PDB file of all heavy atoms in Angstrom:
ATOM      1  N   ASP A   1      56.210 283.692 -84.863  1.00  0.00           N
ATOM      2  CA  ASP A   1      55.615 284.819 -85.426  1.00  0.00           C
ATOM      3  C   ASP A   1      54.834 284.471 -86.746  1.00  0.00           C
ATOM      4  O   ASP A   1      53.669 284.873 -86.896  1.00  0.00           O
ATOM      5  CB  ASP A   1      56.638 285.900 -85.734  1.00  0.00           C
ATOM      6  CG  ASP A   1      56.003 287.232 -86.376  1.00  0.00           C
ATOM      7  OD1 ASP A   1      55.357 287.933 -85.638  1.00  0.00           O
ATOM      8  OD2 ASP A   1      56.218 287.442 -87.589  1.00  0.00           O
ATOM      9  N   VAL A   2      55.423 283.675 -87.538  1.00  0.00           N
ATOM     10  CA  VAL A   2      54.782 283.288 -88.801  1.00  0.00           C
ATOM     11  C   VAL A   2      53.572 282.392 -88.582  1.00  0.00           C
ATOM     12  O   VAL A   2      52.607 282.397 -89.300  1.00  0.00           O
ATOM     13  CB  VAL A   2      55.709 282.720 -89.811  1.00  0.00           C
ATOM     14  CG1 VAL A   2      56.793 283.697 -90.232  1.00  0.00           C
ATOM     15  CG2 VAL A   2      56.398 281.418 -89.281  1.00  0.00           C
ATOM     16  N   PHE A   3      53.694 281.481 -87.608  1.00  0.00           N
ATOM     17  CA  PHE A   3      52.499 280.568 -87.221  1.00  0.00           C
ATOM     18  C   PHE A   3      51.384 281.497 -86.824  1.00  0.00           C
ATOM     19  O   PHE A   3      50.165 281.227 -87.231  1.00  0.00           O
ATOM     20  CB  PHE A   3      52.897 279.689 -86.072  1.00  0.00           C
ATOM     21  CG  PHE A   3      53.746 278.503 -86.476  1.00  0.00           C
ATOM     22  CD1 PHE A   3      54.400 277.775 -85.501  1.00  0.00           C
ATOM     23  CD2 PHE A   3      54.006 278.239 -87.767  1.00  0.00           C
ATOM     24  CE1 PHE A   3      55.145 276.640 -85.822  1.00  0.00           C
ATOM     25  CE2 PHE A   3      54.781 277.144 -88.164  1.00  0.00           C
ATOM     26  CZ  PHE A   3      55.385 276.339 -87.201  1.00  0.00           C
ATOM     27  N   GLU A   4      51.623 282.529 -86.054  1.00  0.00           N
ATOM     28  CA  GLU A   4      50.559 283.371 -85.557  1.00  0.00           C
ATOM     29  C   GLU A   4      49.991 284.261 -86.723  1.00  0.00           C
ATOM     30  O   GLU A   4      48.782 284.485 -86.784  1.00  0.00           O
ATOM     31  CB  GLU A   4      51.080 284.206 -84.440  1.00  0.00           C
ATOM     32  CG  GLU A   4      49.968 285.189 -83.822  1.00  0.00           C
ATOM     33  CD  GLU A   4      50.484 285.967 -82.680  1.00  0.00           C
ATOM     34  OE1 GLU A   4      51.659 285.789 -82.276  1.00  0.00           O
ATOM     35  OE2 GLU A   4      49.702 286.709 -82.109  1.00  0.00           O
ATOM     36  N   ARG A   5      50.804 284.655 -87.661  1.00  0.00           N
ATOM     37  CA  ARG A   5      50.395 285.530 -88.710  1.00  0.00           C
ATOM     38  C   ARG A   5      49.667 284.738 -89.888  1.00  0.00           C
ATOM     39  O   ARG A   5      48.758 285.269 -90.410  1.00  0.00           O
ATOM     40  CB  ARG A   5      51.598 286.253 -89.322  1.00  0.00           C
ATOM     41  CG  ARG A   5      52.188 287.310 -88.358  1.00  0.00           C
ATOM     42  CD  ARG A   5      53.399 288.085 -89.103  1.00  0.00           C
ATOM     43  NE  ARG A   5      53.962 288.988 -88.209  1.00  0.00           N
ATOM     44  CZ  ARG A   5      53.570 290.184 -87.932  1.00  0.00           C
ATOM     45  NH1 ARG A   5      52.492 290.688 -88.481  1.00  0.00           N
ATOM     46  NH2 ARG A   5      54.175 291.036 -87.072  1.00  0.00           N
ATOM     47  N   TYR A   6      50.186 283.575 -90.219  1.00  0.00           N
ATOM     48  CA  TYR A   6      49.717 282.931 -91.412  1.00  0.00           C
ATOM     49  C   TYR A   6      48.877 281.666 -91.119  1.00  0.00           C
ATOM     50  O   TYR A   6      48.186 281.151 -92.025  1.00  0.00           O
ATOM     51  CB  TYR A   6      50.902 282.543 -92.248  1.00  0.00           C
ATOM     52  CG  TYR A   6      51.623 283.687 -92.761  1.00  0.00           C
ATOM     53  CD1 TYR A   6      52.790 284.137 -92.143  1.00  0.00           C
ATOM     54  CD2 TYR A   6      51.174 284.385 -93.873  1.00  0.00           C
ATOM     55  CE1 TYR A   6      53.475 285.188 -92.598  1.00  0.00           C
ATOM     56  CE2 TYR A   6      51.925 285.498 -94.366  1.00  0.00           C
ATOM     57  CZ  TYR A   6      52.970 285.865 -93.740  1.00  0.00           C
ATOM     58  OH  TYR A   6      53.763 286.996 -94.138  1.00  0.00           O
ATOM     59  N   LEU A   7      48.805 281.195 -89.932  1.00  0.00           N
ATOM     60  CA  LEU A   7      47.995 280.041 -89.558  1.00  0.00           C
ATOM     61  C   LEU A   7      47.008 280.425 -88.497  1.00  0.00           C
ATOM     62  O   LEU A   7      47.369 281.099 -87.541  1.00  0.00           O
ATOM     63  CB  LEU A   7      48.822 278.841 -89.082  1.00  0.00           C
ATOM     64  CG  LEU A   7      49.837 278.345 -89.999  1.00  0.00           C
ATOM     65  CD1 LEU A   7      50.648 277.211 -89.382  1.00  0.00           C
ATOM     66  CD2 LEU A   7      49.323 277.923 -91.328  1.00  0.00           C
ATOM     67  N   THR A   8      45.758 279.997 -88.642  1.00  0.00           N
ATOM     68  CA  THR A   8      44.718 280.299 -87.620  1.00  0.00           C
ATOM     69  C   THR A   8      44.367 279.006 -86.920  1.00  0.00           C
ATOM     70  O   THR A   8      44.217 277.966 -87.539  1.00  0.00           O
ATOM     71  CB  THR A   8      43.471 281.006 -88.231  1.00  0.00           C
ATOM     72  OG1 THR A   8      42.578 281.240 -87.155  1.00  0.00           O
ATOM     73  CG2 THR A   8      42.769 280.145 -89.226  1.00  0.00           C
ATOM     74  N   HIS A   9      44.192 279.071 -85.605  1.00  0.00           N
ATOM     75  CA  HIS A   9      43.889 277.890 -84.811  1.00  0.00           C
ATOM     76  C   HIS A   9      42.487 277.532 -84.808  1.00  0.00           C
ATOM     77  O   HIS A   9      41.606 278.432 -84.684  1.00  0.00           O
ATOM     78  CB  HIS A   9      44.384 278.090 -83.383  1.00  0.00           C
ATOM     79  CG  HIS A   9      45.898 278.165 -83.323  1.00  0.00           C
ATOM     80  ND1 HIS A   9      46.731 277.122 -83.285  1.00  0.00           N
ATOM     81  CD2 HIS A   9      46.664 279.319 -83.158  1.00  0.00           C
ATOM     82  CE1 HIS A   9      47.940 277.543 -83.145  1.00  0.00           C
ATOM     83  NE2 HIS A   9      47.929 278.853 -83.064  1.00  0.00           N
ATOM     84  N   ASN A  10      42.113 276.335 -84.929  1.00  0.00           N
ATOM     85  CA  ASN A  10      40.759 275.824 -84.909  1.00  0.00           C
ATOM     86  C   ASN A  10      40.676 274.759 -83.901  1.00  0.00           C
ATOM     87  O   ASN A  10      41.179 273.660 -84.076  1.00  0.00           O
ATOM     88  CB  ASN A  10      40.339 275.305 -86.321  1.00  0.00           C
ATOM     89  CG  ASN A  10      38.915 274.741 -86.265  1.00  0.00           C
ATOM     90  OD1 ASN A  10      38.231 275.039 -85.365  1.00  0.00           O
ATOM     91  ND2 ASN A  10      38.589 274.082 -87.315  1.00  0.00           N
ATOM     92  N   THR A  11      40.106 275.048 -82.791  1.00  0.00           N
ATOM     93  CA  THR A  11      40.000 274.084 -81.698  1.00  0.00           C
ATOM     94  C   THR A  11      38.870 273.153 -81.815  1.00  0.00           C
ATOM     95  O   THR A  11      38.565 272.294 -80.935  1.00  0.00           O
ATOM     96  CB  THR A  11      39.909 274.850 -80.359  1.00  0.00           C
ATOM     97  OG1 THR A  11      38.703 275.595 -80.395  1.00  0.00           O
ATOM     98  CG2 THR A  11      41.112 275.677 -80.119  1.00  0.00           C
ATOM     99  N   HIS A  12      38.038 273.265 -82.918  1.00  0.00           N
ATOM    100  CA  HIS A  12      36.870 272.408 -83.058  1.00  0.00           C
ATOM    101  C   HIS A  12      35.848 272.561 -81.956  1.00  0.00           C
ATOM    102  O   HIS A  12      35.066 271.653 -81.792  1.00  0.00           O
ATOM    103  CB  HIS A  12      37.247 270.967 -83.294  1.00  0.00           C
ATOM    104  CG  HIS A  12      38.218 270.815 -84.520  1.00  0.00           C
ATOM    105  ND1 HIS A  12      37.830 270.935 -85.762  1.00  0.00           N
ATOM    106  CD2 HIS A  12      39.524 270.496 -84.488  1.00  0.00           C
ATOM    107  CE1 HIS A  12      38.834 270.734 -86.516  1.00  0.00           C
ATOM    108  NE2 HIS A  12      39.883 270.419 -85.836  1.00  0.00           N
ATOM    109  N   SER A  13      35.924 273.568 -81.220  1.00  0.00           N
ATOM    110  CA  SER A  13      34.907 273.838 -80.164  1.00  0.00           C
ATOM    111  C   SER A  13      33.665 274.252 -80.848  1.00  0.00           C
ATOM    112  O   SER A  13      33.659 274.894 -81.838  1.00  0.00           O
ATOM    113  CB  SER A  13      35.424 274.862 -79.071  1.00  0.00           C
ATOM    114  OG  SER A  13      35.662 276.019 -79.747  1.00  0.00           O
ATOM    115  N   PRO A  14      32.553 274.025 -80.139  1.00  0.00           N
ATOM    116  CA  PRO A  14      31.186 274.525 -80.682  1.00  0.00           C
ATOM    117  C   PRO A  14      31.256 275.970 -81.030  1.00  0.00           C
ATOM    118  O   PRO A  14      31.864 276.689 -80.218  1.00  0.00           O
ATOM    119  CB  PRO A  14      30.198 274.086 -79.645  1.00  0.00           C
ATOM    120  CG  PRO A  14      30.794 272.967 -78.945  1.00  0.00           C
ATOM    121  CD  PRO A  14      32.324 273.286 -78.902  1.00  0.00           C
ATOM    122  N   PHE A  15      30.464 276.423 -81.987  1.00  0.00           N
ATOM    123  CA  PHE A  15      30.498 277.777 -82.373  1.00  0.00           C
ATOM    124  C   PHE A  15      29.695 278.680 -81.323  1.00  0.00           C
ATOM    125  O   PHE A  15      28.715 278.224 -80.781  1.00  0.00           O
ATOM    126  CB  PHE A  15      29.814 277.851 -83.780  1.00  0.00           C
ATOM    127  CG  PHE A  15      30.502 277.103 -84.780  1.00  0.00           C
ATOM    128  CD1 PHE A  15      29.774 276.187 -85.559  1.00  0.00           C
ATOM    129  CD2 PHE A  15      31.869 277.113 -84.968  1.00  0.00           C
ATOM    130  CE1 PHE A  15      30.345 275.395 -86.436  1.00  0.00           C
ATOM    131  CE2 PHE A  15      32.435 276.290 -85.855  1.00  0.00           C
ATOM    132  CZ  PHE A  15      31.750 275.451 -86.658  1.00  0.00           C
ATOM    133  N   LEU A  16      30.230 279.834 -81.138  1.00  0.00           N
ATOM    134  CA  LEU A  16      29.576 280.725 -80.226  1.00  0.00           C
ATOM    135  C   LEU A  16      28.338 281.334 -80.886  1.00  0.00           C
ATOM    136  O   LEU A  16      28.259 281.491 -81.993  1.00  0.00           O
ATOM    137  CB  LEU A  16      30.534 281.888 -79.833  1.00  0.00           C
ATOM    138  CG  LEU A  16      31.682 281.512 -78.962  1.00  0.00           C
ATOM    139  CD1 LEU A  16      32.621 282.709 -78.701  1.00  0.00           C
ATOM    140  CD2 LEU A  16      31.253 280.898 -77.667  1.00  0.00           C
ATOM    141  N   SER A  17      27.376 281.623 -79.975  1.00  0.00           N
ATOM    142  CA  SER A  17      26.113 282.305 -80.477  1.00  0.00           C
ATOM    143  C   SER A  17      26.504 283.772 -80.699  1.00  0.00           C
ATOM    144  O   SER A  17      26.984 284.448 -79.826  1.00  0.00           O
ATOM    145  CB  SER A  17      24.997 282.156 -79.386  1.00  0.00           C
ATOM    146  OG  SER A  17      23.954 282.972 -79.726  1.00  0.00           O
ATOM    147  N   ALA A  18      26.127 284.282 -81.873  1.00  0.00           N
ATOM    148  CA  ALA A  18      26.440 285.650 -82.209  1.00  0.00           C
ATOM    149  C   ALA A  18      25.391 286.553 -81.620  1.00  0.00           C
ATOM    150  O   ALA A  18      25.712 287.680 -81.141  1.00  0.00           O
ATOM    151  CB  ALA A  18      26.401 285.871 -83.731  1.00  0.00           C
ATOM    152  N   THR A  19      24.138 286.152 -81.471  1.00  0.00           N
ATOM    153  CA  THR A  19      23.053 287.034 -80.901  1.00  0.00           C
ATOM    154  C   THR A  19      22.105 286.111 -80.188  1.00  0.00           C
ATOM    155  O   THR A  19      21.967 284.979 -80.408  1.00  0.00           O
ATOM    156  CB  THR A  19      22.364 287.843 -81.978  1.00  0.00           C
ATOM    157  OG1 THR A  19      21.675 286.872 -82.854  1.00  0.00           O
ATOM    158  CG2 THR A  19      23.272 288.706 -82.798  1.00  0.00           C
ATOM    159  N   LEU A  20      21.351 286.762 -79.240  1.00  0.00           N
ATOM    160  CA  LEU A  20      20.264 286.095 -78.742  1.00  0.00           C
ATOM    161  C   LEU A  20      19.085 285.942 -79.646  1.00  0.00           C
ATOM    162  O   LEU A  20      18.905 286.822 -80.557  1.00  0.00           O
ATOM    163  CB  LEU A  20      19.717 286.817 -77.507  1.00  0.00           C
ATOM    164  CG  LEU A  20      20.640 286.894 -76.271  1.00  0.00           C
ATOM    165  CD1 LEU A  20      20.130 287.803 -75.210  1.00  0.00           C
ATOM    166  CD2 LEU A  20      20.855 285.439 -75.678  1.00  0.00           C
ATOM    167  N   PRO A  21      18.153 284.990 -79.587  1.00  0.00           N
ATOM    168  CA  PRO A  21      17.037 284.930 -80.509  1.00  0.00           C
ATOM    169  C   PRO A  21      16.232 286.156 -80.337  1.00  0.00           C
ATOM    170  O   PRO A  21      15.985 286.694 -79.199  1.00  0.00           O
ATOM    171  CB  PRO A  21      16.234 283.713 -80.053  1.00  0.00           C
ATOM    172  CG  PRO A  21      17.374 282.800 -79.327  1.00  0.00           C
ATOM    173  CD  PRO A  21      18.315 283.818 -78.703  1.00  0.00           C
ATOM    174  N   GLN A  22      15.735 286.732 -81.413  1.00  0.00           N
ATOM    175  CA  GLN A  22      15.021 287.924 -81.414  1.00  0.00           C
ATOM    176  C   GLN A  22      13.554 287.714 -81.695  1.00  0.00           C
ATOM    177  O   GLN A  22      13.143 286.961 -82.558  1.00  0.00           O
ATOM    178  CB  GLN A  22      15.540 288.890 -82.526  1.00  0.00           C
ATOM    179  CG  GLN A  22      17.013 289.212 -82.338  1.00  0.00           C
ATOM    180  CD  GLN A  22      17.633 289.944 -83.493  1.00  0.00           C
ATOM    181  OE1 GLN A  22      16.853 290.714 -84.079  1.00  0.00           O
ATOM    182  NE2 GLN A  22      18.854 289.840 -83.764  1.00  0.00           N
ATOM    183  N   SER A  23      12.714 288.274 -80.902  1.00  0.00           N
ATOM    184  CA  SER A  23      11.266 287.941 -80.970  1.00  0.00           C
ATOM    185  C   SER A  23      10.645 288.684 -82.181  1.00  0.00           C
ATOM    186  O   SER A  23       9.516 288.304 -82.601  1.00  0.00           O
ATOM    187  CB  SER A  23      10.593 288.400 -79.685  1.00  0.00           C
ATOM    188  OG  SER A  23      10.813 289.794 -79.445  1.00  0.00           O
ATOM    189  N   SER A  24      11.189 289.742 -82.700  1.00  0.00           N
ATOM    190  CA  SER A  24      10.609 290.484 -83.762  1.00  0.00           C
ATOM    191  C   SER A  24      11.709 290.976 -84.668  1.00  0.00           C
ATOM    192  O   SER A  24      12.639 291.442 -84.248  1.00  0.00           O
ATOM    193  CB  SER A  24       9.831 291.646 -83.234  1.00  0.00           C
ATOM    194  OG  SER A  24       9.313 292.420 -84.306  1.00  0.00           O
ATOM    195  N   ILE A  25      11.407 290.804 -85.993  1.00  0.00           N
ATOM    196  CA  ILE A  25      12.405 291.257 -86.964  1.00  0.00           C
ATOM    197  C   ILE A  25      12.375 292.780 -87.062  1.00  0.00           C
ATOM    198  O   ILE A  25      13.236 293.420 -87.633  1.00  0.00           O
ATOM    199  CB  ILE A  25      12.091 290.706 -88.327  1.00  0.00           C
ATOM    200  CG1 ILE A  25      10.723 291.165 -88.825  1.00  0.00           C
ATOM    201  CG2 ILE A  25      12.277 289.236 -88.411  1.00  0.00           C
ATOM    202  CD1 ILE A  25      10.405 290.762 -90.228  1.00  0.00           C
ATOM    203  N   HIS A  26      11.405 293.468 -86.463  1.00  0.00           N
ATOM    204  CA  HIS A  26      11.342 294.901 -86.546  1.00  0.00           C
ATOM    205  C   HIS A  26      11.951 295.626 -85.344  1.00  0.00           C
ATOM    206  O   HIS A  26      11.994 296.813 -85.272  1.00  0.00           O
ATOM    207  CB  HIS A  26       9.829 295.277 -86.575  1.00  0.00           C
ATOM    208  CG  HIS A  26       9.081 294.714 -87.763  1.00  0.00           C
ATOM    209  ND1 HIS A  26       9.385 295.050 -89.045  1.00  0.00           N
ATOM    210  CD2 HIS A  26       8.120 293.813 -87.809  1.00  0.00           C
ATOM    211  CE1 HIS A  26       8.644 294.277 -89.894  1.00  0.00           C
ATOM    212  NE2 HIS A  26       7.838 293.569 -89.182  1.00  0.00           N
ATOM    213  N   LYS A  27      12.468 294.760 -84.379  1.00  0.00           N
ATOM    214  CA  LYS A  27      13.166 295.294 -83.281  1.00  0.00           C
ATOM    215  C   LYS A  27      14.586 295.708 -83.572  1.00  0.00           C
ATOM    216  O   LYS A  27      15.113 295.318 -84.630  1.00  0.00           O
ATOM    217  CB  LYS A  27      13.134 294.456 -82.016  1.00  0.00           C
ATOM    218  CG  LYS A  27      11.717 294.223 -81.454  1.00  0.00           C
ATOM    219  CD  LYS A  27      11.785 293.362 -80.276  1.00  0.00           C
ATOM    220  CE  LYS A  27      10.393 293.183 -79.568  1.00  0.00           C
ATOM    221  NZ  LYS A  27      10.378 292.374 -78.382  1.00  0.00           N
ATOM    222  N   ALA A  28      15.185 296.476 -82.749  1.00  0.00           N
ATOM    223  CA  ALA A  28      16.545 296.964 -82.971  1.00  0.00           C
ATOM    224  C   ALA A  28      17.490 295.655 -83.106  1.00  0.00           C
ATOM    225  O   ALA A  28      17.331 294.726 -82.362  1.00  0.00           O
ATOM    226  CB  ALA A  28      17.106 297.802 -81.877  1.00  0.00           C
ATOM    227  N   LEU A  29      18.387 295.744 -83.990  1.00  0.00           N
ATOM    228  CA  LEU A  29      19.329 294.644 -84.200  1.00  0.00           C
ATOM    229  C   LEU A  29      20.327 294.515 -82.997  1.00  0.00           C
ATOM    230  O   LEU A  29      20.629 295.571 -82.435  1.00  0.00           O
ATOM    231  CB  LEU A  29      20.082 294.853 -85.552  1.00  0.00           C
ATOM    232  CG  LEU A  29      19.235 294.942 -86.721  1.00  0.00           C
ATOM    233  CD1 LEU A  29      20.130 295.272 -87.977  1.00  0.00           C
ATOM    234  CD2 LEU A  29      18.526 293.559 -86.947  1.00  0.00           C
ATOM    235  N   LEU A  30      20.746 293.324 -82.707  1.00  0.00           N
ATOM    236  CA  LEU A  30      21.651 293.135 -81.588  1.00  0.00           C
ATOM    237  C   LEU A  30      23.000 292.683 -82.073  1.00  0.00           C
ATOM    238  O   LEU A  30      23.147 292.043 -83.061  1.00  0.00           O
ATOM    239  CB  LEU A  30      21.031 292.023 -80.738  1.00  0.00           C
ATOM    240  CG  LEU A  30      19.643 292.278 -80.144  1.00  0.00           C
ATOM    241  CD1 LEU A  30      19.202 291.077 -79.349  1.00  0.00           C
ATOM    242  CD2 LEU A  30      19.687 293.505 -79.224  1.00  0.00           C
ATOM    243  N   VAL A  31      24.021 293.114 -81.365  1.00  0.00           N
ATOM    244  CA  VAL A  31      25.402 292.662 -81.633  1.00  0.00           C
ATOM    245  C   VAL A  31      25.933 292.036 -80.361  1.00  0.00           C
ATOM    246  O   VAL A  31      25.538 292.535 -79.261  1.00  0.00           O
ATOM    247  CB  VAL A  31      26.262 293.767 -82.180  1.00  0.00           C
ATOM    248  CG1 VAL A  31      25.723 294.274 -83.561  1.00  0.00           C
ATOM    249  CG2 VAL A  31      26.377 294.985 -81.239  1.00  0.00           C
ATOM    250  N   ALA A  32      26.967 291.291 -80.491  1.00  0.00           N
ATOM    251  CA  ALA A  32      27.490 290.660 -79.318  1.00  0.00           C
ATOM    252  C   ALA A  32      28.366 291.628 -78.518  1.00  0.00           C
ATOM    253  O   ALA A  32      29.121 292.398 -79.113  1.00  0.00           O
ATOM    254  CB  ALA A  32      28.302 289.401 -79.726  1.00  0.00           C
ATOM    255  N   ASP A  33      28.317 291.538 -77.217  1.00  0.00           N
ATOM    256  CA  ASP A  33      29.011 292.374 -76.408  1.00  0.00           C
ATOM    257  C   ASP A  33      30.498 291.841 -76.430  1.00  0.00           C
ATOM    258  O   ASP A  33      30.717 290.667 -76.705  1.00  0.00           O
ATOM    259  CB  ASP A  33      28.520 292.316 -74.920  1.00  0.00           C
ATOM    260  CG  ASP A  33      29.197 293.422 -73.963  1.00  0.00           C
ATOM    261  OD1 ASP A  33      30.107 294.062 -74.530  1.00  0.00           O
ATOM    262  OD2 ASP A  33      28.729 293.488 -72.914  1.00  0.00           O
ATOM    263  N   ASP A  34      31.485 292.746 -76.269  1.00  0.00           N
ATOM    264  CA  ASP A  34      32.898 292.305 -76.286  1.00  0.00           C
ATOM    265  C   ASP A  34      33.195 291.426 -75.111  1.00  0.00           C
ATOM    266  O   ASP A  34      34.094 290.562 -75.279  1.00  0.00           O
ATOM    267  CB  ASP A  34      33.769 293.560 -76.148  1.00  0.00           C
ATOM    268  CG  ASP A  34      33.893 294.248 -77.530  1.00  0.00           C
ATOM    269  OD1 ASP A  34      33.507 293.660 -78.526  1.00  0.00           O
ATOM    270  OD2 ASP A  34      34.321 295.418 -77.509  1.00  0.00           O
ATOM    271  N   VAL A  35      32.458 291.512 -74.013  1.00  0.00           N
ATOM    272  CA  VAL A  35      32.801 290.684 -72.813  1.00  0.00           C
ATOM    273  C   VAL A  35      31.794 289.522 -72.677  1.00  0.00           C
ATOM    274  O   VAL A  35      30.573 289.790 -72.607  1.00  0.00           O
ATOM    275  CB  VAL A  35      32.761 291.631 -71.583  1.00  0.00           C
ATOM    276  CG1 VAL A  35      33.146 290.756 -70.389  1.00  0.00           C
ATOM    277  CG2 VAL A  35      33.706 292.750 -71.812  1.00  0.00           C
TER     278      VAL A  35
END
């Protein structure tokens, strides 16, 4: 329980992309889908 609560795992895997590249800064902002 305390390992899960107080320590966070870092697998050193490459970072996920938060959003797709956006062609225009004036378009609606994108957020990542849960799935």
